[in-house]
Amino acid sequence: MLQIPILRENRQAVIDALKIKNVEATLSVDQIIALDNQRKVLKRKLDETLAEANKLAKEIGILFKSGKTEEAANRKEASAGLKQAGKSLEEELQQVTEQLDRLLIELPNIPHPSVPAGKSDQDNLKIHEEGQFPELPDDALPHWELATKYEIIDFDLGAKVTGAGFPFYRGKGARLQRALINFFLDKAIAAGYLEYQPPLLINEASGYGTGQLPDKEGQMYLAGLDNLFLIPTAEVPITNIYRDVILNLEDLPIKNVAYSNCFRREAGSYGKEVRGLNRLHQFDKVEIVQIRHPEESYQALEEMKAYVASLVRALKLPFRIVKLCGGDLSFTSAMTYDFEVYSAAQKRWLEVSSVSNFEAFQANRMKLRFREGDGKTRLAHTLNGSALALPRIVAALLENNQTPQGIKIPEALIPYTGFELLT
């Protein structure tokens, strides 16, 4: 959530910046400023009314003790009028505050000045590419056919038991999943991240804190009886550890990692673009989260980008990094790098990670602050990244490493799988 002082002091700059996200915010920003003005006036009137009522209450007590009952009764009548006026002001103040909050939570984060303009992923800026595309025979199979051939993923069984987008992993397929999870976790721990195992359900306050609610409510699964949501990513419970927390300066930086199942209702078109592992409703992912000092958050973003690159590089997958344009940037993000691996059998790039800096946007919603050396508190900056999401990594590993003898396992994974060839 954007801070009102920033909107006041940088009104036109905020409006211009949000145009990079293809958001016309002039009306919303002006309404927010006007409502905040109204809120301040009402708050001052309420404070003055309550102060006058308290003053009268003391005077009434003194008058009664002095035997001046008639004068006390007159003051009591005036006091009742002030109390009624105070109640009306409180109700009006609450209405204005609620309207102000609704407008604030609907306003997206401001993109970083370096974010390129654009309307969709077609306008994203490629900043890095490395790795050799494997040369596959003409009869090379896509991963969904390889999964059936080697009996490692059963999409039909998942559809029978749950529905489309909920596959079963079996045998060496299940072991490959576990190997990737442990590999990613071990790498993160070695890089200084503290591991958490989070709950898979969150309450509304947590969804609001990281910006999934109300923006992405339709993409989340709801356990309606208890009003709890299945997490779309471990980012949500891990970042919410620090909701309503004031950290000390020496607590920073905070670096956490978590593996979790992720659940997303997102609907997609039919065809190869979403076939097999390309788009799932339940999938596995290792997530890294950092809480940083505002002056260090973009240095941290570059460090996280380099770290994720090291993971993909270790798996020997061709990959590229793109900086998202304004039109492809999420509601909460100020800057995002996407990682894409090349899927040789499908002959296309698959997104496997997003690494983002949210600056103070999530922290303001969560009231996540830290105390500077002078004792004053400031909003921290939050960052996260997929390190990595498994489905499309598995898709690329299967497709790119297929041979007549079987599917070769990358050297870095062999200690985790216990086998060199998937047959």
Protein backbone atom coordinates (compact mmCIF):
# COMPACT_ATOMS: atom_id res chain seq x y z
CA MET A 1 0.00 0.00 0.00
CA LEU A 2 1.33 3.41 -0.94
CA GLN A 3 1.90 5.91 1.85
CA ILE A 4 -0.33 8.99 1.92
CA PRO A 5 2.58 11.43 2.50
CA ILE A 6 4.18 10.13 -0.71
CA LEU A 7 0.93 10.71 -2.61
CA ARG A 8 0.67 14.23 -1.20
CA GLU A 9 4.27 15.28 -1.76
CA ASN A 10 4.72 13.59 -5.15
CA ARG A 11 1.22 13.63 -6.60
CA GLN A 12 2.11 14.11 -10.27
CA ALA A 13 5.18 11.87 -10.08
CA VAL A 14 3.03 9.02 -8.68
CA ILE A 15 0.38 9.52 -11.38
CA ASP A 16 3.04 9.51 -14.12
CA ALA A 17 4.79 6.46 -12.66
CA LEU A 18 1.58 4.43 -12.51
CA LYS A 19 1.02 5.14 -16.19
CA ILE A 20 4.01 2.83 -16.77
CA LYS A 21 1.76 0.11 -15.31
CA ASN A 22 -0.99 1.30 -17.65
CA VAL A 23 -2.98 2.62 -14.68
CA GLU A 24 -4.69 6.01 -14.87
CA ALA A 25 -4.62 7.05 -11.22
CA THR A 26 -5.37 10.78 -11.29
CA LEU A 27 -8.91 10.46 -9.95
CA SER A 28 -7.95 7.90 -7.28
CA VAL A 29 -4.97 9.92 -6.05
CA ASP A 30 -7.02 13.13 -5.85
CA GLN A 31 -9.84 11.33 -4.03
CA ILE A 32 -7.36 9.88 -1.54
CA ILE A 33 -5.85 13.30 -0.83
CA ALA A 34 -9.32 14.89 -0.48
CA LEU A 35 -10.52 12.12 1.85
CA ASP A 36 -7.37 12.41 3.93
CA ASN A 37 -8.01 16.15 4.26
CA GLN A 38 -11.58 15.39 5.34
CA ARG A 39 -10.34 12.76 7.79
CA LYS A 40 -7.95 15.24 9.39
CA VAL A 41 -10.67 17.89 9.77
CA LEU A 42 -13.09 15.38 11.33
CA LYS A 43 -10.37 14.06 13.66
CA ARG A 44 -9.58 17.58 14.85
CA LYS A 45 -13.27 18.35 15.42
CA LEU A 46 -13.73 15.08 17.28
CA ASP A 47 -10.70 15.72 19.49
CA GLU A 48 -11.95 19.24 20.28
CA THR A 49 -15.48 17.97 21.04
CA LEU A 50 -14.21 15.21 23.32
CA ALA A 51 -11.87 17.62 25.09
CA GLU A 52 -14.75 20.06 25.69
CA ALA A 53 -16.95 17.21 26.95
CA ASN A 54 -14.24 16.10 29.39
CA LYS A 55 -13.82 19.68 30.59
CA LEU A 56 -17.58 19.99 31.20
CA ALA A 57 -17.64 16.67 33.04
CA LYS A 58 -15.06 17.97 35.52
CA GLU A 59 -16.93 21.25 35.95
CA ILE A 60 -20.21 19.39 36.58
CA GLY A 61 -18.59 17.37 39.33
CA ILE A 62 -17.28 20.51 41.02
CA LEU A 63 -20.66 22.28 40.74
CA PHE A 64 -22.51 19.33 42.29
CA LYS A 65 -20.05 19.24 45.18
CA SER A 66 -20.58 22.99 45.67
CA GLY A 67 -24.36 22.54 45.80
CA LYS A 68 -24.93 24.42 42.55
CA THR A 69 -27.30 21.78 41.20
CA GLU A 70 -29.21 24.00 38.75
CA GLU A 71 -26.01 25.21 37.09
CA ALA A 72 -24.68 21.66 37.08
CA ALA A 73 -27.88 20.45 35.39
CA ASN A 74 -27.49 23.09 32.66
CA ARG A 75 -23.90 21.99 32.08
CA LYS A 76 -25.03 18.36 32.03
CA GLU A 77 -27.48 19.14 29.23
CA ALA A 78 -24.69 20.81 27.26
CA SER A 79 -22.46 17.80 27.93
CA ALA A 80 -25.10 15.45 26.53
CA GLY A 81 -25.19 17.53 23.35
CA LEU A 82 -21.42 17.31 23.03
CA LYS A 83 -21.49 13.55 23.53
CA GLN A 84 -24.08 13.18 20.77
CA ALA A 85 -22.03 15.42 18.50
CA GLY A 86 -18.96 13.34 19.30
CA LYS A 87 -20.78 10.13 18.42
CA SER A 88 -21.86 11.58 15.07
CA LEU A 89 -18.33 12.73 14.35
CA GLU A 90 -16.94 9.27 15.22
CA GLU A 91 -19.37 7.61 12.80
CA GLU A 92 -18.54 10.06 10.03
CA LEU A 93 -14.81 9.67 10.69
CA GLN A 94 -15.13 5.87 10.49
CA GLN A 95 -16.98 6.09 7.17
CA VAL A 96 -14.38 8.43 5.68
CA THR A 97 -11.50 6.26 6.96
CA GLU A 98 -13.03 3.10 5.50
CA GLN A 99 -13.56 4.82 2.14
CA LEU A 100 -9.98 6.08 2.23
CA ASP A 101 -8.63 2.60 3.02
CA ARG A 102 -10.64 1.05 0.16
CA LEU A 103 -9.12 3.49 -2.33
CA LEU A 104 -5.61 3.01 -0.95
CA ILE A 105 -5.66 -0.79 -1.24
CA GLU A 106 -6.86 -0.57 -4.84
CA LEU A 107 -3.85 1.54 -5.88
CA PRO A 108 -0.91 -0.56 -7.18
CA ASN A 109 2.71 -0.12 -6.27
CA ILE A 110 4.83 2.45 -8.11
CA PRO A 111 7.31 0.87 -10.55
CA HIS A 112 11.01 1.58 -10.19
CA PRO A 113 12.20 4.31 -12.62
CA SER A 114 14.20 1.72 -14.60
CA VAL A 115 11.12 -0.39 -15.39
CA PRO A 116 10.48 -0.22 -19.16
CA ALA A 117 7.12 0.85 -20.53
CA GLY A 118 4.99 -1.79 -22.22
CA LYS A 119 1.61 -3.46 -22.22
CA SER A 120 2.33 -7.21 -22.02
CA ASP A 121 5.05 -9.85 -21.77
CA GLN A 122 5.85 -9.13 -25.41
CA ASP A 123 7.37 -5.84 -24.25
CA ASN A 124 9.61 -7.30 -21.53
CA LEU A 125 13.32 -6.51 -21.80
CA LYS A 126 15.75 -9.41 -22.21
CA ILE A 127 18.86 -8.66 -20.17
CA HIS A 128 20.72 -12.00 -20.19
CA GLU A 129 20.79 -15.35 -21.99
CA GLU A 130 23.14 -18.29 -21.66
CA GLY A 131 23.45 -22.00 -22.36
CA GLN A 132 23.37 -24.15 -25.47
CA PHE A 133 20.11 -25.43 -26.88
CA PRO A 134 20.26 -29.25 -26.98
CA GLU A 135 20.09 -30.90 -30.38
CA LEU A 136 17.24 -33.38 -30.20
CA PRO A 137 16.18 -35.89 -32.86
CA ASP A 138 13.09 -35.20 -34.95
CA ASP A 139 11.12 -37.75 -32.94
CA ALA A 140 11.90 -36.07 -29.58
CA LEU A 141 8.95 -36.19 -27.20
CA PRO A 142 7.38 -33.41 -25.11
CA HIS A 143 7.50 -33.94 -21.38
CA TRP A 144 3.90 -35.14 -21.03
CA GLU A 145 4.65 -38.03 -23.41
CA LEU A 146 7.96 -38.75 -21.68
CA ALA A 147 6.14 -38.82 -18.36
CA THR A 148 3.79 -41.49 -19.70
CA LYS A 149 6.57 -43.45 -21.42
CA TYR A 150 8.64 -43.72 -18.23
CA GLU A 151 5.60 -43.93 -15.91
CA ILE A 152 6.78 -41.09 -13.68
CA ILE A 153 3.82 -38.66 -13.81
CA ASP A 154 0.17 -39.65 -14.12
CA PHE A 155 -2.00 -36.77 -15.29
CA ASP A 156 -5.10 -38.91 -15.88
CA LEU A 157 -5.03 -40.33 -12.36
CA GLY A 158 -4.76 -36.80 -10.95
CA ALA A 159 -7.77 -35.75 -13.02
CA LYS A 160 -9.72 -38.76 -11.73
CA VAL A 161 -8.92 -38.20 -8.05
CA THR A 162 -9.05 -34.38 -8.02
CA GLY A 163 -9.25 -32.68 -11.40
CA ALA A 164 -7.09 -31.33 -14.20
CA GLY A 165 -3.92 -29.65 -12.97
CA PHE A 166 -3.34 -31.99 -10.01
CA PRO A 167 -0.94 -34.72 -11.25
CA PHE A 168 0.39 -37.75 -9.40
CA TYR A 169 4.18 -38.23 -9.34
CA ARG A 170 5.27 -41.85 -8.99
CA GLY A 171 8.46 -43.86 -8.68
CA LYS A 172 11.46 -42.02 -10.03
CA GLY A 173 9.22 -39.06 -10.85
CA ALA A 174 8.43 -38.61 -7.16
CA ARG A 175 12.08 -39.09 -6.32
CA LEU A 176 13.10 -36.45 -8.86
CA GLN A 177 10.67 -34.01 -7.22
CA ARG A 178 12.13 -34.71 -3.80
CA ALA A 179 15.68 -34.41 -5.18
CA LEU A 180 15.01 -30.98 -6.65
CA ILE A 181 13.35 -29.74 -3.44
CA ASN A 182 16.26 -30.88 -1.28
CA PHE A 183 18.83 -29.54 -3.76
CA PHE A 184 17.19 -26.10 -3.80
CA LEU A 185 16.81 -26.02 -0.01
CA ASP A 186 20.42 -27.08 0.61
CA LYS A 187 21.69 -24.41 -1.77
CA ALA A 188 19.60 -21.72 -0.07
CA ILE A 189 20.74 -22.73 3.41
CA ALA A 190 24.37 -22.65 2.22
CA ALA A 191 23.70 -19.12 0.92
CA GLY A 192 22.63 -17.96 4.38
CA TYR A 193 18.86 -18.44 4.27
CA LEU A 194 17.03 -19.75 7.33
CA GLU A 195 14.63 -22.59 6.50
CA TYR A 196 10.97 -22.53 7.56
CA GLN A 197 8.23 -25.05 6.95
CA PRO A 198 5.11 -22.86 6.76
CA PRO A 199 1.40 -23.68 7.06
CA LEU A 200 -0.43 -24.16 3.77
CA LEU A 201 -3.46 -22.15 4.89
CA ILE A 202 -3.57 -18.44 5.69
CA ASN A 203 -6.13 -16.04 7.11
CA GLU A 204 -7.45 -12.90 5.42
CA ALA A 205 -5.02 -10.62 7.27
CA SER A 206 -2.05 -12.51 5.81
CA GLY A 207 -3.49 -12.42 2.30
CA TYR A 208 -4.07 -8.70 2.68
CA GLY A 209 -0.59 -8.09 4.10
CA THR A 210 1.30 -9.35 1.04
CA GLY A 211 -1.25 -8.04 -1.47
CA GLN A 212 -2.98 -11.23 -2.62
CA LEU A 213 -6.21 -9.86 -1.17
CA PRO A 214 -8.24 -8.27 -2.52
CA ASP A 215 -6.28 -8.18 -5.81
CA LYS A 216 -6.03 -11.94 -6.47
CA GLU A 217 -8.92 -13.33 -4.44
CA GLY A 218 -10.38 -15.09 -7.49
CA GLN A 219 -7.12 -16.98 -8.06
CA MET A 220 -6.99 -18.47 -4.56
CA TYR A 221 -8.69 -21.55 -3.17
CA LEU A 222 -10.91 -20.78 -0.17
CA ALA A 223 -11.70 -23.15 2.69
CA GLY A 224 -15.00 -21.38 3.23
CA LEU A 225 -16.13 -22.97 6.49
CA ASP A 226 -13.08 -21.54 8.29
CA ASN A 227 -12.52 -18.58 5.95
CA LEU A 228 -8.93 -19.67 5.27
CA PHE A 229 -7.10 -19.56 1.94
CA LEU A 230 -4.70 -22.14 0.49
CA ILE A 231 -1.41 -20.40 -0.15
CA PRO A 232 -0.47 -19.47 -3.73
CA THR A 233 3.20 -19.34 -2.67
CA ALA A 234 5.27 -19.64 0.51
CA GLU A 235 5.98 -15.93 0.17
CA VAL A 236 2.67 -15.22 1.90
CA PRO A 237 3.11 -17.04 5.24
CA ILE A 238 6.86 -16.35 5.40
CA THR A 239 6.59 -12.59 4.84
CA ASN A 240 3.65 -12.40 7.26
CA ILE A 241 5.88 -13.69 10.04
CA TYR A 242 6.85 -10.02 10.37
CA ARG A 243 3.36 -8.50 10.19
CA ASP A 244 2.89 -5.92 13.02
CA VAL A 245 6.54 -6.34 14.03
CA ILE A 246 9.13 -3.65 14.77
CA LEU A 247 12.59 -5.06 14.06
CA ASN A 248 15.87 -3.75 15.36
CA LEU A 249 18.40 -2.43 12.86
CA GLU A 250 20.77 -5.27 13.77
CA ASP A 251 18.09 -7.82 12.81
CA LEU A 252 18.53 -6.85 9.16
CA PRO A 253 18.99 -8.36 6.69
CA ILE A 254 16.55 -11.22 7.21
CA LYS A 255 16.85 -14.10 4.73
CA ASN A 256 14.34 -16.96 4.85
CA VAL A 257 13.64 -19.94 2.61
CA ALA A 258 10.69 -22.31 2.52
CA TYR A 259 9.47 -25.25 0.48
CA SER A 260 5.72 -25.60 0.09
CA ASN A 261 2.92 -26.84 -2.09
CA CYS A 262 1.33 -23.94 -3.96
CA PHE A 263 -2.32 -23.71 -5.00
CA ARG A 264 -3.68 -21.49 -7.78
CA ARG A 265 -7.07 -21.47 -9.42
CA GLU A 266 -5.77 -19.59 -12.46
CA ALA A 267 -7.58 -20.63 -15.62
CA GLY A 268 -5.79 -21.04 -18.91
CA SER A 269 -6.50 -21.72 -22.52
CA TYR A 270 -6.41 -25.24 -23.91
CA GLY A 271 -3.58 -26.65 -25.99
CA LYS A 272 0.13 -27.26 -25.60
CA GLU A 273 0.68 -23.88 -23.90
CA VAL A 274 -0.93 -25.26 -20.74
CA ARG A 275 -0.51 -28.99 -21.32
CA GLY A 276 1.24 -31.33 -18.91
CA LEU A 277 3.36 -29.46 -16.36
CA ASN A 278 3.11 -26.12 -18.15
CA ARG A 279 0.29 -24.94 -15.89
CA LEU A 280 -0.91 -26.66 -12.72
CA HIS A 281 -3.33 -25.84 -9.92
CA GLN A 282 -1.07 -27.53 -7.33
CA PHE A 283 2.70 -27.51 -7.62
CA ASP A 284 5.90 -27.51 -5.55
CA LYS A 285 8.16 -24.51 -5.12
CA VAL A 286 11.06 -23.33 -3.00
CA GLU A 287 10.75 -19.63 -2.16
CA ILE A 288 13.33 -17.18 -0.84
CA VAL A 289 12.26 -14.06 1.08
CA GLN A 290 14.33 -11.14 2.29
CA ILE A 291 13.55 -8.22 4.61
CA ARG A 292 16.01 -5.41 3.94
CA HIS A 293 16.94 -1.85 4.82
CA PRO A 294 15.46 0.45 2.13
CA GLU A 295 18.92 1.61 1.08
CA GLU A 296 20.03 -1.98 0.41
CA SER A 297 17.00 -3.55 -1.24
CA TYR A 298 18.07 -3.12 -4.87
CA GLN A 299 21.51 -4.50 -4.10
CA ALA A 300 19.64 -7.44 -2.52
CA LEU A 301 17.50 -7.83 -5.65
CA GLU A 302 20.64 -8.17 -7.80
CA GLU A 303 22.09 -10.69 -5.33
CA MET A 304 18.90 -12.74 -5.47
CA LYS A 305 18.93 -12.61 -9.27
CA ALA A 306 22.49 -13.91 -9.31
CA TYR A 307 21.60 -16.63 -6.82
CA VAL A 308 18.65 -17.93 -8.87
CA ALA A 309 20.85 -17.87 -11.98
CA SER A 310 23.34 -20.11 -10.17
CA LEU A 311 20.61 -22.70 -9.54
CA VAL A 312 19.50 -22.87 -13.17
CA ARG A 313 23.14 -22.92 -14.28
CA ALA A 314 23.86 -25.86 -11.98
CA LEU A 315 21.06 -27.82 -13.68
CA LYS A 316 22.68 -27.03 -17.06
CA LEU A 317 19.48 -25.64 -18.54
CA PRO A 318 19.59 -22.90 -21.18
CA PHE A 319 17.99 -19.84 -19.61
CA ARG A 320 17.33 -16.18 -20.07
CA ILE A 321 16.47 -13.33 -17.70
CA VAL A 322 13.95 -10.63 -18.60
CA LYS A 323 13.07 -7.43 -16.79
CA LEU A 324 9.29 -7.08 -16.73
CA CYS A 325 7.75 -4.06 -18.37
CA GLY A 326 5.17 -1.96 -16.55
CA GLY A 327 2.21 -3.73 -18.14
CA ASP A 328 3.46 -7.17 -17.05
CA LEU A 329 4.47 -6.12 -13.55
CA SER A 330 2.35 -7.42 -10.67
CA PHE A 331 0.09 -5.22 -8.54
CA THR A 332 2.56 -5.26 -5.63
CA SER A 333 5.94 -5.24 -7.37
CA ALA A 334 8.22 -2.27 -7.99
CA MET A 335 10.64 -4.33 -10.12
CA THR A 336 10.68 -7.96 -11.22
CA TYR A 337 13.11 -10.22 -13.07
CA ASP A 338 11.67 -13.34 -14.66
CA PHE A 339 13.76 -16.43 -15.37
CA GLU A 340 12.82 -18.62 -18.32
CA VAL A 341 14.32 -21.97 -19.32
CA TYR A 342 14.30 -23.30 -22.84
CA SER A 343 12.09 -26.32 -23.44
CA ALA A 344 13.73 -28.10 -26.38
CA ALA A 345 10.89 -30.43 -27.39
CA GLN A 346 8.27 -27.69 -27.14
CA LYS A 347 10.70 -25.20 -28.70
CA ARG A 348 9.70 -22.38 -26.38
CA TRP A 349 10.69 -20.56 -23.21
CA LEU A 350 9.06 -21.50 -19.89
CA GLU A 351 8.95 -19.17 -16.90
CA VAL A 352 10.40 -20.83 -13.77
CA SER A 353 11.05 -17.92 -11.41
CA SER A 354 10.14 -14.34 -10.61
CA VAL A 355 12.45 -12.30 -8.37
CA SER A 356 10.83 -9.10 -7.11
CA ASN A 357 11.39 -6.04 -4.96
CA PHE A 358 8.20 -4.68 -3.39
CA GLU A 359 10.00 -1.81 -1.65
CA ALA A 360 7.76 -0.61 1.24
CA PHE A 361 4.44 -1.57 -0.40
CA GLN A 362 3.89 -4.85 1.48
CA ALA A 363 5.56 -3.50 4.63
CA ASN A 364 3.09 -0.61 4.79
CA ARG A 365 0.15 -3.02 4.55
CA MET A 366 1.69 -5.28 7.21
CA LYS A 367 3.03 -2.48 9.44
CA LEU A 368 6.47 -4.08 9.18
CA ARG A 369 8.99 -1.59 10.51
CA PHE A 370 12.51 -1.44 11.89
CA ARG A 371 14.08 0.91 14.39
CA GLU A 372 16.96 3.05 13.17
CA GLY A 373 19.94 3.95 15.37
CA ASP A 374 18.26 7.23 16.34
CA GLY A 375 15.24 5.32 17.67
CA LYS A 376 12.90 6.35 14.85
CA THR A 377 10.99 3.65 12.99
CA ARG A 378 10.90 3.17 9.21
CA LEU A 379 9.14 0.78 6.89
CA ALA A 380 11.36 -2.08 5.76
CA HIS A 381 11.60 -3.32 2.17
CA THR A 382 10.46 -6.84 1.25
CA LEU A 383 11.71 -9.03 -1.58
CA ASN A 384 11.06 -12.58 -2.73
CA GLY A 385 11.89 -15.00 -5.48
CA SER A 386 11.13 -18.50 -6.72
CA ALA A 387 14.21 -20.63 -6.18
CA LEU A 388 12.77 -22.53 -7.93
CA ALA A 389 9.28 -23.56 -9.07
CA LEU A 390 9.46 -27.25 -9.97
CA PRO A 391 6.94 -28.07 -12.73
CA ARG A 392 8.55 -26.30 -15.68
CA ILE A 393 12.04 -27.11 -14.41
CA VAL A 394 11.03 -30.79 -14.53
CA ALA A 395 9.49 -30.29 -17.99
CA ALA A 396 12.73 -28.81 -19.35
CA LEU A 397 14.92 -31.42 -17.63
CA LEU A 398 12.91 -34.27 -19.14
CA GLU A 399 12.76 -32.82 -22.63
CA ASN A 400 16.30 -31.45 -22.91
CA ASN A 401 18.02 -34.53 -21.50
CA GLN A 402 16.16 -37.30 -23.34
CA THR A 403 18.31 -39.92 -25.05
CA PRO A 404 17.58 -43.32 -26.62
CA GLN A 405 18.79 -44.90 -23.36
CA GLY A 406 16.67 -42.75 -21.06
CA ILE A 407 16.71 -39.29 -19.48
CA LYS A 408 20.06 -38.11 -18.17
CA ILE A 409 20.06 -36.58 -14.70
CA PRO A 410 22.19 -33.41 -14.26
CA GLU A 411 25.36 -34.12 -12.34
CA ALA A 412 24.38 -31.75 -9.51
CA LEU A 413 21.22 -33.78 -8.85
CA ILE A 414 22.70 -37.29 -8.89
CA PRO A 415 23.62 -37.26 -5.15
CA TYR A 416 19.95 -36.43 -4.47
CA THR A 417 18.25 -38.81 -6.94
CA GLY A 418 20.56 -41.77 -6.40
CA PHE A 419 20.39 -42.54 -10.14
CA GLU A 420 22.11 -41.09 -13.21
CA LEU A 421 19.56 -42.17 -15.80
CA LEU A 422 15.80 -42.16 -15.62
CA THR A 423 14.58 -45.27 -17.45
